[in-house]
All heavy atoms as atom14 arrays in JSON, in Angstrom:
{
  "sequence": "VNPNDDAEGGVGRRGLAGTVLVNKFAGARAAT",
  "atom14_mask": [
    [1, 1, 1, 1, 1, 1, 1, 0, 0, 0, 0, 0, 0, 0],
    [1, 1, 1, 1, 1, 1, 1, 1, 0, 0, 0, 0, 0, 0],
    [1, 1, 1, 1, 1, 1, 1, 0, 0, 0, 0, 0, 0, 0],
    [1, 1, 1, 1, 1, 1, 1, 1, 0, 0, 0, 0, 0, 0],
    [1, 1, 1, 1, 1, 1, 1, 1, 0, 0, 0, 0, 0, 0],
    [1, 1, 1, 1, 1, 1, 1, 1, 0, 0, 0, 0, 0, 0],
    [1, 1, 1, 1, 1, 0, 0, 0, 0, 0, 0, 0, 0, 0],
    [1, 1, 1, 1, 1, 1, 1, 1, 1, 0, 0, 0, 0, 0],
    [1, 1, 1, 1, 0, 0, 0, 0, 0, 0, 0, 0, 0, 0],
    [1, 1, 1, 1, 0, 0, 0, 0, 0, 0, 0, 0, 0, 0],
    [1, 1, 1, 1, 1, 1, 1, 0, 0, 0, 0, 0, 0, 0],
    [1, 1, 1, 1, 0, 0, 0, 0, 0, 0, 0, 0, 0, 0],
    [1, 1, 1, 1, 1, 1, 1, 1, 1, 1, 1, 0, 0, 0],
    [1, 1, 1, 1, 1, 1, 1, 1, 1, 1, 1, 0, 0, 0],
    [1, 1, 1, 1, 0, 0, 0, 0, 0, 0, 0, 0, 0, 0],
    [1, 1, 1, 1, 1, 1, 1, 1, 0, 0, 0, 0, 0, 0],
    [1, 1, 1, 1, 1, 0, 0, 0, 0, 0, 0, 0, 0, 0],
    [1, 1, 1, 1, 0, 0, 0, 0, 0, 0, 0, 0, 0, 0],
    [1, 1, 1, 1, 1, 1, 1, 0, 0, 0, 0, 0, 0, 0],
    [1, 1, 1, 1, 1, 1, 1, 0, 0, 0, 0, 0, 0, 0],
    [1, 1, 1, 1, 1, 1, 1, 1, 0, 0, 0, 0, 0, 0],
    [1, 1, 1, 1, 1, 1, 1, 0, 0, 0, 0, 0, 0, 0],
    [1, 1, 1, 1, 1, 1, 1, 1, 0, 0, 0, 0, 0, 0],
    [1, 1, 1, 1, 1, 1, 1, 1, 1, 0, 0, 0, 0, 0],
    [1, 1, 1, 1, 1, 1, 1, 1, 1, 1, 1, 0, 0, 0],
    [1, 1, 1, 1, 1, 0, 0, 0, 0, 0, 0, 0, 0, 0],
    [1, 1, 1, 1, 0, 0, 0, 0, 0, 0, 0, 0, 0, 0],
    [1, 1, 1, 1, 1, 0, 0, 0, 0, 0, 0, 0, 0, 0],
    [1, 1, 1, 1, 1, 1, 1, 1, 1, 1, 1, 0, 0, 0],
    [1, 1, 1, 1, 1, 0, 0, 0, 0, 0, 0, 0, 0, 0],
    [1, 1, 1, 1, 1, 0, 0, 0, 0, 0, 0, 0, 0, 0],
    [1, 1, 1, 1, 1, 1, 1, 0, 0, 0, 0, 0, 0, 0]
  ],
  "atom14_positions": [
    [[0.87, -5.6, -1.53], [-0.47, -5.73, -0.8], [-1.62, -5.41, -1.76], [-1.78, -4.32, -2.37], [-0.49, -5.01, 0.48], [-1.83, -5.2, 1.19], [0.71, -5.35, 1.38], [0.0, 0.0, 0.0], [0.0, 0.0, 0.0], [0.0, 0.0, 0.0], [0.0, 0.0, 0.0], [0.0, 0.0, 0.0], [0.0, 0.0, 0.0], [0.0, 0.0, 0.0]],
    [[-2.54, -6.41, -1.88], [-3.68, -6.14, -2.66], [-4.81, -5.86, -1.66], [-5.2, -6.73, -0.83], [-4.16, -7.39, -3.39], [-5.43, -7.26, -4.14], [-6.03, -6.18, -4.16], [-5.7, -8.22, -4.94], [0.0, 0.0, 0.0], [0.0, 0.0, 0.0], [0.0, 0.0, 0.0], [0.0, 0.0, 0.0], [0.0, 0.0, 0.0], [0.0, 0.0, 0.0]],
    [[-5.26, -4.66, -1.71], [-6.34, -4.18, -0.64], [-7.58, -5.01, -0.72], [-8.43, -5.01, 0.17], [-6.42, -2.69, -0.9], [-6.05, -2.61, -2.25], [-4.96, -3.53, -2.51], [0.0, 0.0, 0.0], [0.0, 0.0, 0.0], [0.0, 0.0, 0.0], [0.0, 0.0, 0.0], [0.0, 0.0, 0.0], [0.0, 0.0, 0.0], [0.0, 0.0, 0.0]],
    [[-7.8, -5.62, -1.81], [-9.03, -6.4, -2.09], [-8.9, -7.85, -1.86], [-9.73, -8.68, -2.16], [-9.59, -6.2, -3.54], [-9.75, -4.86, -3.85], [-10.47, -4.07, -3.15], [-9.25, -4.33, -5.1], [0.0, 0.0, 0.0], [0.0, 0.0, 0.0], [0.0, 0.0, 0.0], [0.0, 0.0, 0.0], [0.0, 0.0, 0.0], [0.0, 0.0, 0.0]],
    [[-7.7, -8.32, -1.32], [-7.46, -9.74, -1.05], [-8.62, -10.31, -0.21], [-9.1, -11.5, -0.45], [-6.18, -9.95, -0.17], [-5.01, -10.33, -1.24], [-5.4, -10.67, -2.23], [-3.88, -10.31, -0.73], [0.0, 0.0, 0.0], [0.0, 0.0, 0.0], [0.0, 0.0, 0.0], [0.0, 0.0, 0.0], [0.0, 0.0, 0.0], [0.0, 0.0, 0.0]],
    [[-8.93, -9.73, 0.95], [-10.02, -10.35, 1.7], [-11.3, -10.59, 1.05], [-12.1, -11.63, 0.96], [-10.31, -9.35, 2.99], [-9.25, -9.52, 3.88], [-8.41, -10.47, 3.86], [-9.16, -8.57, 4.76], [0.0, 0.0, 0.0], [0.0, 0.0, 0.0], [0.0, 0.0, 0.0], [0.0, 0.0, 0.0], [0.0, 0.0, 0.0], [0.0, 0.0, 0.0]],
    [[-11.83, -9.47, 0.23], [-13.04, -9.72, -0.64], [-12.9, -10.76, -1.74], [-13.8, -11.38, -2.11], [-13.44, -8.26, -1.19], [0.0, 0.0, 0.0], [0.0, 0.0, 0.0], [0.0, 0.0, 0.0], [0.0, 0.0, 0.0], [0.0, 0.0, 0.0], [0.0, 0.0, 0.0], [0.0, 0.0, 0.0], [0.0, 0.0, 0.0], [0.0, 0.0, 0.0]],
    [[-11.68, -10.74, -2.32], [-11.43, -11.61, -3.49], [-10.93, -12.94, -3.08], [-10.75, -13.88, -3.96], [-10.36, -11.05, -4.34], [-10.89, -9.65, -4.98], [-9.81, -8.95, -5.83], [-8.77, -9.53, -5.89], [-10.06, -7.84, -6.43], [0.0, 0.0, 0.0], [0.0, 0.0, 0.0], [0.0, 0.0, 0.0], [0.0, 0.0, 0.0], [0.0, 0.0, 0.0]],
    [[-10.74, -13.24, -1.82], [-10.23, -14.57, -1.37], [-8.77, -14.75, -1.73], [-8.39, -15.86, -1.88], [0.0, 0.0, 0.0], [0.0, 0.0, 0.0], [0.0, 0.0, 0.0], [0.0, 0.0, 0.0], [0.0, 0.0, 0.0], [0.0, 0.0, 0.0], [0.0, 0.0, 0.0], [0.0, 0.0, 0.0], [0.0, 0.0, 0.0], [0.0, 0.0, 0.0]],
    [[-8.02, -13.71, -1.74], [-6.48, -13.79, -2.13], [-5.72, -14.39, -1.03], [-6.23, -14.51, 0.05], [0.0, 0.0, 0.0], [0.0, 0.0, 0.0], [0.0, 0.0, 0.0], [0.0, 0.0, 0.0], [0.0, 0.0, 0.0], [0.0, 0.0, 0.0], [0.0, 0.0, 0.0], [0.0, 0.0, 0.0], [0.0, 0.0, 0.0], [0.0, 0.0, 0.0]],
    [[-4.57, -14.72, -1.33], [-3.49, -15.3, -0.31], [-3.25, -14.34, 0.7], [-3.04, -14.6, 1.76], [-2.33, -15.73, -1.08], [-1.3, -16.37, -0.15], [-2.7, -16.98, -2.04], [0.0, 0.0, 0.0], [0.0, 0.0, 0.0], [0.0, 0.0, 0.0], [0.0, 0.0, 0.0], [0.0, 0.0, 0.0], [0.0, 0.0, 0.0], [0.0, 0.0, 0.0]],
    [[-2.92, -13.07, 0.28], [-2.6, -11.95, 1.27], [-1.06, -11.78, 1.33], [-0.35, -12.21, 0.36], [0.0, 0.0, 0.0], [0.0, 0.0, 0.0], [0.0, 0.0, 0.0], [0.0, 0.0, 0.0], [0.0, 0.0, 0.0], [0.0, 0.0, 0.0], [0.0, 0.0, 0.0], [0.0, 0.0, 0.0], [0.0, 0.0, 0.0], [0.0, 0.0, 0.0]],
    [[-0.58, -11.21, 2.37], [0.82, -10.96, 2.5], [1.65, -12.18, 2.69], [1.21, -13.21, 3.33], [1.07, -10.05, 3.73], [0.25, -8.73, 3.62], [0.59, -7.65, 4.68], [0.96, -8.25, 6.05], [1.15, -7.57, 7.03], [1.0, -6.28, 7.04], [1.49, -8.04, 8.17], [0.0, 0.0, 0.0], [0.0, 0.0, 0.0], [0.0, 0.0, 0.0]],
    [[2.76, -12.18, 1.92], [3.65, -13.47, 1.97], [4.52, -13.44, 3.28], [4.78, -12.49, 3.92], [4.53, -13.39, 0.76], [3.86, -13.31, -0.52], [4.58, -13.18, -1.74], [5.35, -11.97, -1.84], [5.47, -11.23, -2.93], [5.01, -11.67, -4.14], [6.24, -10.05, -2.79], [0.0, 0.0, 0.0], [0.0, 0.0, 0.0], [0.0, 0.0, 0.0]],
    [[5.08, -14.64, 3.52], [5.96, -14.87, 4.69], [7.34, -14.48, 4.17], [7.77, -15.23, 3.26], [0.0, 0.0, 0.0], [0.0, 0.0, 0.0], [0.0, 0.0, 0.0], [0.0, 0.0, 0.0], [0.0, 0.0, 0.0], [0.0, 0.0, 0.0], [0.0, 0.0, 0.0], [0.0, 0.0, 0.0], [0.0, 0.0, 0.0], [0.0, 0.0, 0.0]],
    [[8.14, -13.82, 4.81], [9.52, -13.39, 4.44], [10.4, -13.54, 5.58], [10.38, -14.39, 6.42], [9.65, -11.89, 3.68], [8.83, -11.76, 2.47], [9.01, -10.28, 2.03], [9.35, -12.72, 1.33], [0.0, 0.0, 0.0], [0.0, 0.0, 0.0], [0.0, 0.0, 0.0], [0.0, 0.0, 0.0], [0.0, 0.0, 0.0], [0.0, 0.0, 0.0]],
    [[11.52, -12.59, 5.68], [12.47, -12.71, 6.56], [12.01, -12.65, 8.13], [12.67, -13.15, 8.93], [13.51, -11.67, 6.39], [0.0, 0.0, 0.0], [0.0, 0.0, 0.0], [0.0, 0.0, 0.0], [0.0, 0.0, 0.0], [0.0, 0.0, 0.0], [0.0, 0.0, 0.0], [0.0, 0.0, 0.0], [0.0, 0.0, 0.0], [0.0, 0.0, 0.0]],
    [[10.78, -12.09, 8.33], [10.22, -12.06, 9.67], [10.05, -13.34, 10.24], [10.03, -13.52, 11.45], [0.0, 0.0, 0.0], [0.0, 0.0, 0.0], [0.0, 0.0, 0.0], [0.0, 0.0, 0.0], [0.0, 0.0, 0.0], [0.0, 0.0, 0.0], [0.0, 0.0, 0.0], [0.0, 0.0, 0.0], [0.0, 0.0, 0.0], [0.0, 0.0, 0.0]],
    [[10.01, -14.54, 9.4], [9.95, -15.89, 9.94], [11.14, -16.12, 10.82], [10.86, -16.92, 11.85], [9.81, -16.81, 8.75], [8.94, -16.39, 7.89], [9.51, -18.13, 9.4], [0.0, 0.0, 0.0], [0.0, 0.0, 0.0], [0.0, 0.0, 0.0], [0.0, 0.0, 0.0], [0.0, 0.0, 0.0], [0.0, 0.0, 0.0], [0.0, 0.0, 0.0]],
    [[12.22, -15.67, 10.57], [13.5, -15.88, 11.4], [13.28, -15.37, 12.9], [13.54, -16.05, 13.91], [14.68, -15.32, 10.86], [15.94, -15.56, 11.63], [14.77, -15.73, 9.39], [0.0, 0.0, 0.0], [0.0, 0.0, 0.0], [0.0, 0.0, 0.0], [0.0, 0.0, 0.0], [0.0, 0.0, 0.0], [0.0, 0.0, 0.0], [0.0, 0.0, 0.0]],
    [[12.59, -14.23, 12.91], [12.37, -13.69, 14.23], [11.37, -14.48, 15.03], [11.38, -14.63, 16.24], [11.94, -12.08, 14.13], [12.92, -11.25, 13.47], [12.36, -9.77, 13.39], [14.19, -11.16, 14.37], [0.0, 0.0, 0.0], [0.0, 0.0, 0.0], [0.0, 0.0, 0.0], [0.0, 0.0, 0.0], [0.0, 0.0, 0.0], [0.0, 0.0, 0.0]],
    [[10.29, -14.88, 14.23], [9.2, -15.7, 14.86], [9.91, -17.02, 15.47], [9.67, -17.45, 16.56], [8.16, -16.0, 13.89], [7.18, -17.12, 14.45], [7.44, -14.82, 13.35], [0.0, 0.0, 0.0], [0.0, 0.0, 0.0], [0.0, 0.0, 0.0], [0.0, 0.0, 0.0], [0.0, 0.0, 0.0], [0.0, 0.0, 0.0], [0.0, 0.0, 0.0]],
    [[10.77, -17.6, 14.64], [11.44, -18.87, 15.14], [12.26, -18.6, 16.37], [12.22, -19.44, 17.24], [12.4, -19.38, 13.95], [11.63, -19.82, 12.81], [10.37, -20.12, 12.78], [12.27, -20.04, 11.61], [0.0, 0.0, 0.0], [0.0, 0.0, 0.0], [0.0, 0.0, 0.0], [0.0, 0.0, 0.0], [0.0, 0.0, 0.0], [0.0, 0.0, 0.0]],
    [[13.03, -17.47, 16.4], [13.85, -17.1, 17.37], [13.15, -16.84, 18.75], [13.48, -17.44, 19.91], [14.76, -16.0, 17.19], [15.83, -15.66, 18.2], [16.53, -16.81, 18.68], [17.35, -16.65, 20.05], [17.93, -17.86, 20.5], [0.0, 0.0, 0.0], [0.0, 0.0, 0.0], [0.0, 0.0, 0.0], [0.0, 0.0, 0.0], [0.0, 0.0, 0.0]],
    [[12.09, -16.02, 18.71], [11.42, -15.6, 19.93], [10.64, -16.71, 20.3], [10.61, -17.04, 21.73], [10.56, -14.36, 19.62], [11.32, -13.05, 19.62], [11.89, -12.6, 18.61], [11.28, -12.27, 20.72], [12.63, -11.37, 18.49], [11.98, -11.13, 20.81], [12.65, -10.66, 19.71], [0.0, 0.0, 0.0], [0.0, 0.0, 0.0], [0.0, 0.0, 0.0]],
    [[9.94, -17.48, 19.47], [9.08, -18.53, 20.03], [10.06, -19.73, 20.51], [9.63, -20.32, 21.55], [8.24, -19.06, 18.78], [0.0, 0.0, 0.0], [0.0, 0.0, 0.0], [0.0, 0.0, 0.0], [0.0, 0.0, 0.0], [0.0, 0.0, 0.0], [0.0, 0.0, 0.0], [0.0, 0.0, 0.0], [0.0, 0.0, 0.0], [0.0, 0.0, 0.0]],
    [[11.08, -19.85, 19.8], [12.12, -20.83, 20.3], [12.64, -20.61, 21.71], [12.86, -21.57, 22.47], [0.0, 0.0, 0.0], [0.0, 0.0, 0.0], [0.0, 0.0, 0.0], [0.0, 0.0, 0.0], [0.0, 0.0, 0.0], [0.0, 0.0, 0.0], [0.0, 0.0, 0.0], [0.0, 0.0, 0.0], [0.0, 0.0, 0.0], [0.0, 0.0, 0.0]],
    [[12.9, -19.3, 21.81], [13.52, -18.95, 23.24], [12.44, -19.11, 24.39], [12.89, -19.52, 25.34], [13.99, -17.42, 23.14], [0.0, 0.0, 0.0], [0.0, 0.0, 0.0], [0.0, 0.0, 0.0], [0.0, 0.0, 0.0], [0.0, 0.0, 0.0], [0.0, 0.0, 0.0], [0.0, 0.0, 0.0], [0.0, 0.0, 0.0], [0.0, 0.0, 0.0]],
    [[11.19, -18.86, 24.01], [10.17, -18.93, 25.07], [9.9, -20.53, 25.31], [9.68, -20.73, 26.58], [8.86, -18.38, 24.51], [7.73, -18.29, 25.57], [8.15, -17.34, 26.64], [7.28, -17.36, 27.79], [7.5, -18.15, 28.94], [8.61, -18.83, 29.09], [6.52, -18.06, 30.03], [0.0, 0.0, 0.0], [0.0, 0.0, 0.0], [0.0, 0.0, 0.0]],
    [[10.15, -21.31, 24.33], [9.94, -22.7, 24.48], [11.05, -23.24, 25.34], [10.9, -24.06, 26.31], [9.83, -23.57, 23.15], [0.0, 0.0, 0.0], [0.0, 0.0, 0.0], [0.0, 0.0, 0.0], [0.0, 0.0, 0.0], [0.0, 0.0, 0.0], [0.0, 0.0, 0.0], [0.0, 0.0, 0.0], [0.0, 0.0, 0.0], [0.0, 0.0, 0.0]],
    [[12.23, -22.72, 25.06], [13.46, -23.15, 25.81], [13.46, -22.78, 27.24], [14.16, -23.47, 28.07], [14.78, -22.75, 25.17], [0.0, 0.0, 0.0], [0.0, 0.0, 0.0], [0.0, 0.0, 0.0], [0.0, 0.0, 0.0], [0.0, 0.0, 0.0], [0.0, 0.0, 0.0], [0.0, 0.0, 0.0], [0.0, 0.0, 0.0], [0.0, 0.0, 0.0]],
    [[12.64, -21.7, 27.51], [12.7, -21.24, 28.99], [11.51, -21.74, 29.83], [11.16, -21.2, 30.74], [12.67, -19.73, 29.13], [11.58, -19.09, 28.23], [13.97, -19.09, 28.54], [0.0, 0.0, 0.0], [0.0, 0.0, 0.0], [0.0, 0.0, 0.0], [0.0, 0.0, 0.0], [0.0, 0.0, 0.0], [0.0, 0.0, 0.0], [0.0, 0.0, 0.0]]
  ]
}
């Protein structure tokens, strides 16, 4: 994490394994 990302216009935090949980929870809510 670069604490200056916002000021420097950086990309910020990357997407990792948490994407799987997003897919699952959002997919479950859509299915219901």
